[in-house]
Amino acid sequence: MPVVIISIIGRGLLALLFILAGIAKIANSRPFLDHMDQHHVPGWLLPAVILLELGAGAALLIGWRPMVSAGVLGLFCVATAFVFHFDLADKAERTLFFKDLALGGALIVIAAHAWQASNT
């Protein structure tokens, strides 16, 4: 299978995670607002999170400005890991922490490859 097709599928799978998360936050924001409150994150940031997830997720899906879209989503994942899942004594939180770091790393790799491709 050509690398281009594999890249599109991979980007699509990553993008779907963020697009569906943004839709879930629109459909029922209360659990997300409660979770944000538990971690002392102001609820007024939720619309920005939704916009980020939907906008950057859609951009990643269609391959528009992948350096920016993947880079921003990657940094968002790393920040989410440290803000929401840093209770490493709790097995579930530890798993979510490392999952978010891994997603962030994958997205940062996509951003780096896009940057490299734009500079060659």
Protein backbone atom coordinates (compact mmCIF):
# COMPACT_ATOMS: atom_id res chain seq x y z
CA MET A 1 0.00 0.00 0.00
CA PRO A 2 1.50 3.37 -0.96
CA VAL A 3 2.82 5.57 1.83
CA VAL A 4 0.41 8.38 0.91
CA ILE A 5 -2.63 6.16 1.50
CA ILE A 6 -1.23 4.86 4.77
CA SER A 7 -0.56 8.45 5.90
CA ILE A 8 -4.10 9.52 5.04
CA ILE A 9 -5.55 6.59 6.98
CA GLY A 10 -3.32 7.30 9.98
CA ARG A 11 -4.16 11.01 9.98
CA GLY A 12 -7.83 10.14 9.64
CA LEU A 13 -7.78 7.82 12.63
CA LEU A 14 -6.04 10.43 14.79
CA ALA A 15 -8.34 13.21 13.57
CA LEU A 16 -11.44 11.15 14.29
CA LEU A 17 -10.48 10.97 17.97
CA PHE A 18 -10.53 14.77 18.28
CA ILE A 19 -13.57 15.37 16.08
CA LEU A 20 -15.66 12.87 18.05
CA ALA A 21 -14.40 14.35 21.34
CA GLY A 22 -15.49 17.83 20.24
CA ILE A 23 -18.91 16.53 19.20
CA ALA A 24 -19.30 14.73 22.54
CA LYS A 25 -18.53 17.97 24.39
CA ILE A 26 -21.19 19.80 22.40
CA ALA A 27 -23.76 17.03 22.89
CA ASN A 28 -23.32 16.91 26.68
CA SER A 29 -20.91 19.39 28.18
CA ARG A 30 -21.76 18.79 31.86
CA PRO A 31 -19.37 15.85 32.50
CA PHE A 32 -16.54 17.74 30.83
CA LEU A 33 -17.25 20.92 32.80
CA ASP A 34 -17.33 18.89 36.02
CA HIS A 35 -14.01 17.24 35.16
CA MET A 36 -12.47 20.61 34.34
CA ASP A 37 -13.73 21.98 37.66
CA GLN A 38 -12.21 19.05 39.57
CA HIS A 39 -8.83 20.00 38.13
CA HIS A 40 -9.28 23.75 38.64
CA VAL A 41 -9.53 24.47 34.92
CA PRO A 42 -12.02 27.29 34.22
CA GLY A 43 -15.16 26.19 32.41
CA TRP A 44 -15.01 29.17 30.07
CA LEU A 45 -12.18 27.35 28.29
CA LEU A 46 -14.52 24.57 27.10
CA PRO A 47 -15.65 26.40 23.92
CA ALA A 48 -11.99 26.93 23.01
CA VAL A 49 -11.27 23.24 23.58
CA ILE A 50 -14.24 22.29 21.37
CA LEU A 51 -13.08 24.68 18.66
CA LEU A 52 -9.55 23.29 18.87
CA GLU A 53 -10.68 19.67 18.70
CA LEU A 54 -13.11 20.24 15.82
CA GLY A 55 -11.02 22.75 13.87
CA ALA A 56 -7.59 21.18 14.20
CA GLY A 57 -9.12 17.70 13.96
CA ALA A 58 -10.84 18.58 10.67
CA ALA A 59 -7.69 20.26 9.36
CA LEU A 60 -5.66 17.16 10.19
CA LEU A 61 -8.30 14.94 8.57
CA ILE A 62 -8.12 16.76 5.24
CA GLY A 63 -4.38 17.39 5.46
CA TRP A 64 -4.69 21.18 5.64
CA ARG A 65 -1.67 22.77 7.36
CA PRO A 66 -0.64 19.53 9.08
CA MET A 67 2.37 21.15 10.70
CA VAL A 68 0.10 23.53 12.62
CA SER A 69 -2.91 21.26 13.17
CA ALA A 70 -0.89 18.24 14.31
CA GLY A 71 1.52 20.40 16.30
CA VAL A 72 -1.25 22.18 18.21
CA LEU A 73 -3.11 18.93 18.87
CA GLY A 74 0.14 17.32 20.01
CA LEU A 75 0.83 20.09 22.50
CA PHE A 76 -2.81 19.91 23.64
CA CYS A 77 -2.40 16.17 24.35
CA VAL A 78 0.76 16.73 26.37
CA ALA A 79 -0.91 19.52 28.35
CA THR A 80 -3.99 17.35 28.92
CA ALA A 81 -1.81 14.55 30.27
CA PHE A 82 -0.19 16.80 32.85
CA VAL A 83 -3.31 18.74 33.84
CA PHE A 84 -5.90 15.95 33.97
CA HIS A 85 -4.06 12.63 34.31
CA PHE A 86 -1.01 13.27 36.48
CA ASP A 87 -2.19 11.00 39.33
CA LEU A 88 0.37 8.32 38.49
CA ALA A 89 -0.49 6.30 41.61
CA ASP A 90 -3.91 5.54 40.07
CA LYS A 91 -3.54 2.82 37.40
CA ALA A 92 -6.32 4.18 35.16
CA GLU A 93 -4.97 7.75 35.35
CA ARG A 94 -1.43 6.50 34.69
CA THR A 95 -2.69 4.70 31.56
CA LEU A 96 -4.49 7.86 30.37
CA PHE A 97 -1.39 9.93 31.13
CA PHE A 98 0.87 7.79 28.95
CA LYS A 99 -1.81 7.44 26.26
CA ASP A 100 -2.03 11.22 26.00
CA LEU A 101 1.77 11.51 25.88
CA ALA A 102 1.92 8.86 23.13
CA LEU A 103 -0.77 10.63 21.09
CA GLY A 104 1.07 13.90 21.59
CA GLY A 105 4.29 12.31 20.42
CA ALA A 106 2.67 10.85 17.31
CA LEU A 107 1.11 14.19 16.42
CA ILE A 108 4.39 16.03 16.97
CA VAL A 109 6.08 13.55 14.60
CA ILE A 110 3.42 14.33 11.96
CA ALA A 111 4.03 18.05 12.49
CA ALA A 112 7.80 17.57 12.19
CA HIS A 113 7.45 15.60 8.94
CA ALA A 114 5.14 18.28 7.54
CA TRP A 115 7.66 20.96 8.50
CA GLN A 116 10.48 18.96 6.90
CA ALA A 117 8.45 18.45 3.71
CA SER A 118 7.72 22.18 3.49
CA ASN A 119 11.42 23.01 3.76
CA THR A 120 12.75 20.70 1.06
